[in-house]
Amino acid sequence: MKKNGKKRQNDRVLANFSLVRRIAYHILVDLPSSVIVDDLIQSGMIGLLEADKKYDPNLGSSFETYAGIRICGEILDGLRKSDWVPRSVIRLLREESRARKHAEGEKLRPVTGPEVAKEMGISLNEYQKKMGYATHAHVQSFDAVSKNNDECSGIYDRVKNTSALSPLEILEHNQLADIANIVLEKMRAKDRFVFKVYCDEELVLREIGNLFSVSESRACQMLGVAIKEFCAGMDLYITGEFNA
């Protein structure tokens, strides 16, 4: 019986994945171009999973309404904790990070700036200029972003009233469980395990941390990585770019 209850909960989460995407894209419209929708979707997924755990049907509202408010709140909360960074800076930092990791993987030790510059195929002077630009890039505040149930209710209502499901989203609803399983199987083993024990076994972060002998904050980071990988896989599948 308990297993069937968990299956219903999992189906409920999967059935509302498109709601996360619609709310994320709706919020994105009012944000600067530097904001990446994948980050909003990741935050929204956390809100959906939390809504699934805490939903009480006796409160009177439907799960979709309750989840919509939690999804929106989590996205706005994530924005308040973040900074707006130009896309060019984000790309530069990712490029530098990939080059550094690749060089460290080959040398099996921490690498220096000149070594990273060489890995990136640029001069040390150019590397230093790029990093200086990234370091001093102008960052905008999210003070204007508020988080309250009234605002989130309004956003959810607009999404609900204006976002009819497209044929692709209808197909997504009908085949979502199969798609999710395919995506999960392609995930890294550790990320898949973390995602499943959080969703299926309903372990809290402290318990996940105990499984890996890490702190609760580290377990939170691990879950974030797993959710991000899952969301990215789902998006790739929906857009037809996923390699099964």
C-alpha atoms as a PDB file:
ATOM      1  CA  MET A   1       0.000   0.000   0.000  1.00  0.00           C
ATOM      2  CA  LYS A   2       2.813   2.363   0.922  1.00  0.00           C
ATOM      3  CA  LYS A   3       4.547   1.517  -2.357  1.00  0.00           C
ATOM      4  CA  ASN A   4       1.407   2.398  -4.310  1.00  0.00           C
ATOM      5  CA  GLY A   5       1.196   5.684  -2.422  1.00  0.00           C
ATOM      6  CA  LYS A   6       4.748   6.548  -3.402  1.00  0.00           C
ATOM      7  CA  LYS A   7       4.011   5.644  -7.029  1.00  0.00           C
ATOM      8  CA  ARG A   8       1.043   8.016  -7.020  1.00  0.00           C
ATOM      9  CA  GLN A   9       3.266  10.735  -5.577  1.00  0.00           C
ATOM     10  CA  ASN A  10       5.912  10.124  -8.240  1.00  0.00           C
ATOM     11  CA  ASP A  11       3.254  10.268 -10.963  1.00  0.00           C
ATOM     12  CA  ARG A  12       2.038  13.532  -9.456  1.00  0.00           C
ATOM     13  CA  VAL A  13       5.523  15.050  -9.637  1.00  0.00           C
ATOM     14  CA  LEU A  14       6.068  13.888 -13.209  1.00  0.00           C
ATOM     15  CA  ALA A  15       2.650  15.104 -14.316  1.00  0.00           C
ATOM     16  CA  ASN A  16       3.499  18.607 -13.105  1.00  0.00           C
ATOM     17  CA  PHE A  17       6.980  18.890 -14.603  1.00  0.00           C
ATOM     18  CA  SER A  18       5.573  20.966 -17.461  1.00  0.00           C
ATOM     19  CA  LEU A  19       4.061  23.323 -14.865  1.00  0.00           C
ATOM     20  CA  VAL A  20       7.574  24.032 -13.586  1.00  0.00           C
ATOM     21  CA  ARG A  21       8.732  24.881 -17.099  1.00  0.00           C
ATOM     22  CA  ARG A  22       5.743  27.129 -17.829  1.00  0.00           C
ATOM     23  CA  ILE A  23       6.140  29.090 -14.593  1.00  0.00           C
ATOM     24  CA  ALA A  24       9.893  29.414 -15.150  1.00  0.00           C
ATOM     25  CA  TYR A  25       9.424  30.780 -18.673  1.00  0.00           C
ATOM     26  CA  HIS A  26       6.653  33.093 -17.477  1.00  0.00           C
ATOM     27  CA  ILE A  27       8.912  34.599 -14.799  1.00  0.00           C
ATOM     28  CA  LEU A  28      11.827  34.770 -17.254  1.00  0.00           C
ATOM     29  CA  VAL A  29       9.959  37.311 -19.404  1.00  0.00           C
ATOM     30  CA  ASP A  30      10.426  40.026 -16.764  1.00  0.00           C
ATOM     31  CA  LEU A  31      14.091  39.262 -16.082  1.00  0.00           C
ATOM     32  CA  PRO A  32      17.298  40.443 -17.784  1.00  0.00           C
ATOM     33  CA  SER A  33      18.681  38.383 -20.661  1.00  0.00           C
ATOM     34  CA  SER A  34      21.545  37.249 -18.417  1.00  0.00           C
ATOM     35  CA  VAL A  35      19.214  34.981 -16.432  1.00  0.00           C
ATOM     36  CA  ILE A  36      19.307  31.348 -17.614  1.00  0.00           C
ATOM     37  CA  VAL A  37      15.985  29.529 -17.659  1.00  0.00           C
ATOM     38  CA  ASP A  38      17.601  26.212 -16.654  1.00  0.00           C
ATOM     39  CA  ASP A  39      18.480  27.750 -13.290  1.00  0.00           C
ATOM     40  CA  LEU A  40      14.865  28.801 -12.790  1.00  0.00           C
ATOM     41  CA  ILE A  41      13.650  25.318 -13.724  1.00  0.00           C
ATOM     42  CA  GLN A  42      16.074  23.748 -11.254  1.00  0.00           C
ATOM     43  CA  SER A  43      14.740  25.948  -8.446  1.00  0.00           C
ATOM     44  CA  GLY A  44      11.185  25.229  -9.546  1.00  0.00           C
ATOM     45  CA  MET A  45      11.795  21.475  -9.418  1.00  0.00           C
ATOM     46  CA  ILE A  46      12.915  21.807  -5.810  1.00  0.00           C
ATOM     47  CA  GLY A  47       9.665  23.649  -5.111  1.00  0.00           C
ATOM     48  CA  LEU A  48       7.664  20.899  -6.836  1.00  0.00           C
ATOM     49  CA  LEU A  49       9.378  18.140  -4.856  1.00  0.00           C
ATOM     50  CA  GLU A  50       8.820  20.019  -1.594  1.00  0.00           C
ATOM     51  CA  ALA A  51       5.181  20.590  -2.522  1.00  0.00           C
ATOM     52  CA  ASP A  52       4.774  16.866  -3.165  1.00  0.00           C
ATOM     53  CA  LYS A  53       6.088  16.060   0.306  1.00  0.00           C
ATOM     54  CA  LYS A  54       4.079  18.686   2.184  1.00  0.00           C
ATOM     55  CA  TYR A  55       0.781  18.764   0.288  1.00  0.00           C
ATOM     56  CA  ASP A  56      -2.285  18.208   2.447  1.00  0.00           C
ATOM     57  CA  PRO A  57      -5.491  17.618   0.442  1.00  0.00           C
ATOM     58  CA  ASN A  58      -7.520  18.501   3.544  1.00  0.00           C
ATOM     59  CA  LEU A  59      -6.507  22.151   3.123  1.00  0.00           C
ATOM     60  CA  GLY A  60      -8.936  22.451   0.237  1.00  0.00           C
ATOM     61  CA  SER A  61      -6.717  23.502  -2.659  1.00  0.00           C
ATOM     62  CA  SER A  62      -5.757  21.209  -5.522  1.00  0.00           C
ATOM     63  CA  PHE A  63      -2.218  19.869  -5.696  1.00  0.00           C
ATOM     64  CA  GLU A  64      -1.555  21.832  -8.887  1.00  0.00           C
ATOM     65  CA  THR A  65      -2.543  25.113  -7.228  1.00  0.00           C
ATOM     66  CA  TYR A  66      -0.485  24.370  -4.121  1.00  0.00           C
ATOM     67  CA  ALA A  67       2.491  23.224  -6.192  1.00  0.00           C
ATOM     68  CA  GLY A  68       2.252  26.239  -8.499  1.00  0.00           C
ATOM     69  CA  ILE A  69       2.634  28.614  -5.560  1.00  0.00           C
ATOM     70  CA  ARG A  70       5.518  26.599  -4.079  1.00  0.00           C
ATOM     71  CA  ILE A  71       7.274  26.398  -7.462  1.00  0.00           C
ATOM     72  CA  CYS A  72       6.974  30.130  -7.985  1.00  0.00           C
ATOM     73  CA  GLY A  73       8.125  30.863  -4.439  1.00  0.00           C
ATOM     74  CA  GLU A  74      11.199  28.674  -4.791  1.00  0.00           C
ATOM     75  CA  ILE A  75      12.146  30.309  -8.098  1.00  0.00           C
ATOM     76  CA  LEU A  76      11.787  33.812  -6.666  1.00  0.00           C
ATOM     77  CA  ASP A  77      13.680  32.787  -3.547  1.00  0.00           C
ATOM     78  CA  GLY A  78      16.500  31.466  -5.723  1.00  0.00           C
ATOM     79  CA  LEU A  79      16.598  34.742  -7.621  1.00  0.00           C
ATOM     80  CA  ARG A  80      16.844  36.746  -4.417  1.00  0.00           C
ATOM     81  CA  LYS A  81      19.856  34.699  -3.354  1.00  0.00           C
ATOM     82  CA  SER A  82      21.563  35.100  -6.718  1.00  0.00           C
ATOM     83  CA  ASP A  83      23.170  37.823  -8.785  1.00  0.00           C
ATOM     84  CA  TRP A  84      22.505  38.805 -12.366  1.00  0.00           C
ATOM     85  CA  VAL A  85      25.666  38.131 -14.313  1.00  0.00           C
ATOM     86  CA  PRO A  86      26.019  38.846 -18.061  1.00  0.00           C
ATOM     87  CA  ARG A  87      25.867  35.741 -20.259  1.00  0.00           C
ATOM     88  CA  SER A  88      29.305  36.575 -21.629  1.00  0.00           C
ATOM     89  CA  VAL A  89      30.734  36.345 -18.108  1.00  0.00           C
ATOM     90  CA  ILE A  90      28.921  33.081 -17.413  1.00  0.00           C
ATOM     91  CA  ARG A  91      30.283  31.567 -20.647  1.00  0.00           C
ATOM     92  CA  LEU A  92      33.769  32.804 -19.821  1.00  0.00           C
ATOM     93  CA  LEU A  93      33.721  31.359 -16.317  1.00  0.00           C
ATOM     94  CA  ARG A  94      32.433  28.027 -17.614  1.00  0.00           C
ATOM     95  CA  GLU A  95      35.134  27.952 -20.284  1.00  0.00           C
ATOM     96  CA  GLU A  96      37.789  28.690 -17.666  1.00  0.00           C
ATOM     97  CA  SER A  97      36.365  26.047 -15.331  1.00  0.00           C
ATOM     98  CA  ARG A  98      36.354  23.370 -18.052  1.00  0.00           C
ATOM     99  CA  ALA A  99      39.912  24.218 -19.050  1.00  0.00           C
ATOM    100  CA  ARG A 100      41.085  24.134 -15.436  1.00  0.00           C
ATOM    101  CA  LYS A 101      39.415  20.785 -14.732  1.00  0.00           C
ATOM    102  CA  HIS A 102      40.823  19.267 -17.924  1.00  0.00           C
ATOM    103  CA  ALA A 103      44.336  20.473 -17.138  1.00  0.00           C
ATOM    104  CA  GLU A 104      44.114  19.259 -13.545  1.00  0.00           C
ATOM    105  CA  GLY A 105      42.840  15.890 -14.761  1.00  0.00           C
ATOM    106  CA  GLU A 106      45.883  15.505 -16.988  1.00  0.00           C
ATOM    107  CA  LYS A 107      48.446  16.804 -14.505  1.00  0.00           C
ATOM    108  CA  LEU A 108      46.787  15.280 -11.420  1.00  0.00           C
ATOM    109  CA  ARG A 109      47.449  18.433  -9.398  1.00  0.00           C
ATOM    110  CA  PRO A 110      46.151  22.005  -9.059  1.00  0.00           C
ATOM    111  CA  VAL A 111      47.204  24.104 -12.053  1.00  0.00           C
ATOM    112  CA  THR A 112      48.407  27.686 -12.354  1.00  0.00           C
ATOM    113  CA  GLY A 113      46.987  30.592 -14.341  1.00  0.00           C
ATOM    114  CA  PRO A 114      49.538  30.226 -17.164  1.00  0.00           C
ATOM    115  CA  GLU A 115      48.670  26.523 -17.459  1.00  0.00           C
ATOM    116  CA  VAL A 116      44.948  27.303 -17.674  1.00  0.00           C
ATOM    117  CA  ALA A 117      45.652  29.978 -20.289  1.00  0.00           C
ATOM    118  CA  LYS A 118      47.591  27.437 -22.339  1.00  0.00           C
ATOM    119  CA  GLU A 119      44.727  24.947 -22.058  1.00  0.00           C
ATOM    120  CA  MET A 120      42.328  27.661 -23.282  1.00  0.00           C
ATOM    121  CA  GLY A 121      44.645  28.434 -26.194  1.00  0.00           C
ATOM    122  CA  ILE A 122      45.181  32.085 -25.271  1.00  0.00           C
ATOM    123  CA  SER A 123      48.086  34.147 -23.973  1.00  0.00           C
ATOM    124  CA  LEU A 124      48.576  34.731 -20.265  1.00  0.00           C
ATOM    125  CA  ASN A 125      47.926  38.440 -20.796  1.00  0.00           C
ATOM    126  CA  GLU A 126      44.614  37.751 -22.540  1.00  0.00           C
ATOM    127  CA  TYR A 127      43.686  35.233 -19.844  1.00  0.00           C
ATOM    128  CA  GLN A 128      44.337  37.786 -17.101  1.00  0.00           C
ATOM    129  CA  LYS A 129      42.277  40.401 -18.933  1.00  0.00           C
ATOM    130  CA  LYS A 130      39.353  37.996 -19.331  1.00  0.00           C
ATOM    131  CA  MET A 131      39.449  36.986 -15.676  1.00  0.00           C
ATOM    132  CA  GLY A 132      39.710  40.616 -14.642  1.00  0.00           C
ATOM    133  CA  TYR A 133      36.631  41.412 -16.706  1.00  0.00           C
ATOM    134  CA  ALA A 134      34.727  38.527 -15.134  1.00  0.00           C
ATOM    135  CA  THR A 135      35.785  39.500 -11.622  1.00  0.00           C
ATOM    136  CA  HIS A 136      34.702  43.122 -11.993  1.00  0.00           C
ATOM    137  CA  ALA A 137      31.570  42.473 -14.053  1.00  0.00           C
ATOM    138  CA  HIS A 138      28.637  44.575 -12.948  1.00  0.00           C
ATOM    139  CA  VAL A 139      26.145  42.619 -10.849  1.00  0.00           C
ATOM    140  CA  GLN A 140      22.575  43.717 -10.403  1.00  0.00           C
ATOM    141  CA  SER A 141      20.581  43.188  -7.232  1.00  0.00           C
ATOM    142  CA  PHE A 142      17.445  41.119  -6.913  1.00  0.00           C
ATOM    143  CA  ASP A 143      15.990  43.413  -4.238  1.00  0.00           C
ATOM    144  CA  ALA A 144      13.025  44.103  -6.498  1.00  0.00           C
ATOM    145  CA  VAL A 145      12.104  40.416  -6.462  1.00  0.00           C
ATOM    146  CA  SER A 146       9.733  39.651  -3.638  1.00  0.00           C
ATOM    147  CA  LYS A 147       8.465  36.351  -2.346  1.00  0.00           C
ATOM    148  CA  ASN A 148       4.983  36.155  -0.931  1.00  0.00           C
ATOM    149  CA  ASN A 149       1.957  33.967  -1.484  1.00  0.00           C
ATOM    150  CA  ASP A 150      -0.125  36.773  -3.019  1.00  0.00           C
ATOM    151  CA  GLU A 151       2.434  37.452  -5.760  1.00  0.00           C
ATOM    152  CA  CYS A 152       2.983  33.749  -6.403  1.00  0.00           C
ATOM    153  CA  SER A 153      -0.759  33.131  -6.536  1.00  0.00           C
ATOM    154  CA  GLY A 154      -1.053  35.875  -9.140  1.00  0.00           C
ATOM    155  CA  ILE A 155       1.777  34.453 -11.238  1.00  0.00           C
ATOM    156  CA  TYR A 156       0.315  30.946 -11.030  1.00  0.00           C
ATOM    157  CA  ASP A 157      -3.138  32.216 -12.048  1.00  0.00           C
ATOM    158  CA  ARG A 158      -1.693  33.971 -15.105  1.00  0.00           C
ATOM    159  CA  VAL A 159       0.218  30.854 -16.117  1.00  0.00           C
ATOM    160  CA  LYS A 160      -2.842  28.685 -15.619  1.00  0.00           C
ATOM    161  CA  ASN A 161      -5.115  30.987 -17.617  1.00  0.00           C
ATOM    162  CA  THR A 162      -2.776  31.731 -20.521  1.00  0.00           C
ATOM    163  CA  SER A 163      -0.732  28.560 -20.928  1.00  0.00           C
ATOM    164  CA  ALA A 164      -2.852  25.914 -22.584  1.00  0.00           C
ATOM    165  CA  LEU A 165      -0.969  22.696 -23.176  1.00  0.00           C
ATOM    166  CA  SER A 166       0.556  22.362 -26.612  1.00  0.00           C
ATOM    167  CA  PRO A 167       0.346  19.022 -28.463  1.00  0.00           C
ATOM    168  CA  LEU A 168       3.936  18.392 -27.412  1.00  0.00           C
ATOM    169  CA  GLU A 169       3.069  18.984 -23.755  1.00  0.00           C
ATOM    170  CA  ILE A 170       0.044  16.698 -24.037  1.00  0.00           C
ATOM    171  CA  LEU A 171       2.340  14.005 -25.403  1.00  0.00           C
ATOM    172  CA  GLU A 172       4.725  14.786 -22.562  1.00  0.00           C
ATOM    173  CA  HIS A 173       1.937  14.263 -20.013  1.00  0.00           C
ATOM    174  CA  ASN A 174       0.934  10.943 -21.561  1.00  0.00           C
ATOM    175  CA  GLN A 175       4.452   9.546 -21.813  1.00  0.00           C
ATOM    176  CA  LEU A 176       6.124  11.350 -18.933  1.00  0.00           C
ATOM    177  CA  ALA A 177       6.806   8.329 -16.739  1.00  0.00           C
ATOM    178  CA  ASP A 178       8.538   6.491 -19.594  1.00  0.00           C
ATOM    179  CA  ILE A 179      10.529   9.600 -20.523  1.00  0.00           C
ATOM    180  CA  ALA A 180      11.595  10.148 -16.921  1.00  0.00           C
ATOM    181  CA  ASN A 181      12.821   6.570 -16.603  1.00  0.00           C
ATOM    182  CA  ILE A 182      14.858   6.924 -19.802  1.00  0.00           C
ATOM    183  CA  VAL A 183      16.384  10.172 -18.552  1.00  0.00           C
ATOM    184  CA  LEU A 184      17.129   8.676 -15.135  1.00  0.00           C
ATOM    185  CA  GLU A 185      18.904   5.700 -16.693  1.00  0.00           C
ATOM    186  CA  LYS A 186      21.213   8.048 -18.603  1.00  0.00           C
ATOM    187  CA  MET A 187      22.138  10.022 -15.494  1.00  0.00           C
ATOM    188  CA  ARG A 188      25.356   9.414 -13.600  1.00  0.00           C
ATOM    189  CA  ALA A 189      24.883   6.582 -11.104  1.00  0.00           C
ATOM    190  CA  LYS A 190      25.435   8.735  -8.015  1.00  0.00           C
ATOM    191  CA  ASP A 191      23.119  11.493  -9.236  1.00  0.00           C
ATOM    192  CA  ARG A 192      20.446   8.938 -10.140  1.00  0.00           C
ATOM    193  CA  PHE A 193      20.736   7.342  -6.700  1.00  0.00           C
ATOM    194  CA  VAL A 194      20.482  10.693  -4.882  1.00  0.00           C
ATOM    195  CA  PHE A 195      17.462  11.713  -6.973  1.00  0.00           C
ATOM    196  CA  LYS A 196      15.672   8.414  -6.367  1.00  0.00           C
ATOM    197  CA  VAL A 197      16.256   8.182  -2.616  1.00  0.00           C
ATOM    198  CA  TYR A 198      15.012  11.747  -2.240  1.00  0.00           C
ATOM    199  CA  CYS A 199      11.906  11.199  -4.384  1.00  0.00           C
ATOM    200  CA  ASP A 200      11.129   7.499  -3.895  1.00  0.00           C
ATOM    201  CA  GLU A 201      12.410   6.808  -0.393  1.00  0.00           C
ATOM    202  CA  GLU A 202      11.627  10.341   0.842  1.00  0.00           C
ATOM    203  CA  LEU A 203      14.951  10.653   2.648  1.00  0.00           C
ATOM    204  CA  VAL A 204      15.747  14.077   4.074  1.00  0.00           C
ATOM    205  CA  LEU A 205      19.064  15.793   3.366  1.00  0.00           C
ATOM    206  CA  ARG A 206      20.549  14.715   6.688  1.00  0.00           C
ATOM    207  CA  GLU A 207      19.820  11.058   5.878  1.00  0.00           C
ATOM    208  CA  ILE A 208      21.262  11.397   2.381  1.00  0.00           C
ATOM    209  CA  GLY A 209      24.353  12.966   3.918  1.00  0.00           C
ATOM    210  CA  ASN A 210      24.681   9.999   6.274  1.00  0.00           C
ATOM    211  CA  LEU A 211      24.589   7.587   3.331  1.00  0.00           C
ATOM    212  CA  PHE A 212      27.577   9.324   1.769  1.00  0.00           C
ATOM    213  CA  SER A 213      29.253  10.337   5.044  1.00  0.00           C
ATOM    214  CA  VAL A 214      28.989  14.017   4.115  1.00  0.00           C
ATOM    215  CA  SER A 215      27.434  17.082   5.726  1.00  0.00           C
ATOM    216  CA  GLU A 216      23.824  18.118   5.194  1.00  0.00           C
ATOM    217  CA  SER A 217      24.941  21.147   3.178  1.00  0.00           C
ATOM    218  CA  ARG A 218      27.003  18.894   0.905  1.00  0.00           C
ATOM    219  CA  ALA A 219      24.002  16.578   0.511  1.00  0.00           C
ATOM    220  CA  CYS A 220      21.970  19.630  -0.536  1.00  0.00           C
ATOM    221  CA  GLN A 221      24.568  20.416  -3.206  1.00  0.00           C
ATOM    222  CA  MET A 222      24.492  16.815  -4.421  1.00  0.00           C
ATOM    223  CA  LEU A 223      20.703  16.905  -4.691  1.00  0.00           C
ATOM    224  CA  GLY A 224      20.905  20.188  -6.596  1.00  0.00           C
ATOM    225  CA  VAL A 225      23.291  18.628  -9.107  1.00  0.00           C
ATOM    226  CA  ALA A 226      21.004  15.594  -9.508  1.00  0.00           C
ATOM    227  CA  ILE A 227      17.912  17.746 -10.028  1.00  0.00           C
ATOM    228  CA  LYS A 228      19.726  19.936 -12.534  1.00  0.00           C
ATOM    229  CA  GLU A 229      20.868  16.889 -14.513  1.00  0.00           C
ATOM    230  CA  PHE A 230      17.352  15.442 -14.488  1.00  0.00           C
ATOM    231  CA  CYS A 231      15.786  18.726 -15.633  1.00  0.00           C
ATOM    232  CA  ALA A 232      18.378  19.140 -18.376  1.00  0.00           C
ATOM    233  CA  GLY A 233      17.694  15.612 -19.605  1.00  0.00           C
ATOM    234  CA  MET A 234      13.944  16.164 -19.614  1.00  0.00           C
ATOM    235  CA  ASP A 235      14.328  19.398 -21.569  1.00  0.00           C
ATOM    236  CA  LEU A 236      16.610  17.722 -24.111  1.00  0.00           C
ATOM    237  CA  TYR A 237      14.113  14.889 -24.545  1.00  0.00           C
ATOM    238  CA  ILE A 238      11.198  17.271 -25.023  1.00  0.00           C
ATOM    239  CA  THR A 239      13.112  19.300 -27.628  1.00  0.00           C
ATOM    240  CA  GLY A 240      14.214  16.139 -29.442  1.00  0.00           C
ATOM    241  CA  GLU A 241      17.912  16.546 -28.636  1.00  0.00           C
ATOM    242  CA  PHE A 242      18.216  13.713 -26.116  1.00  0.00           C
ATOM    243  CA  ASN A 243      20.403  10.760 -27.092  1.00  0.00           C
ATOM    244  CA  ALA A 244      18.711   7.712 -25.634  1.00  0.00           C
END
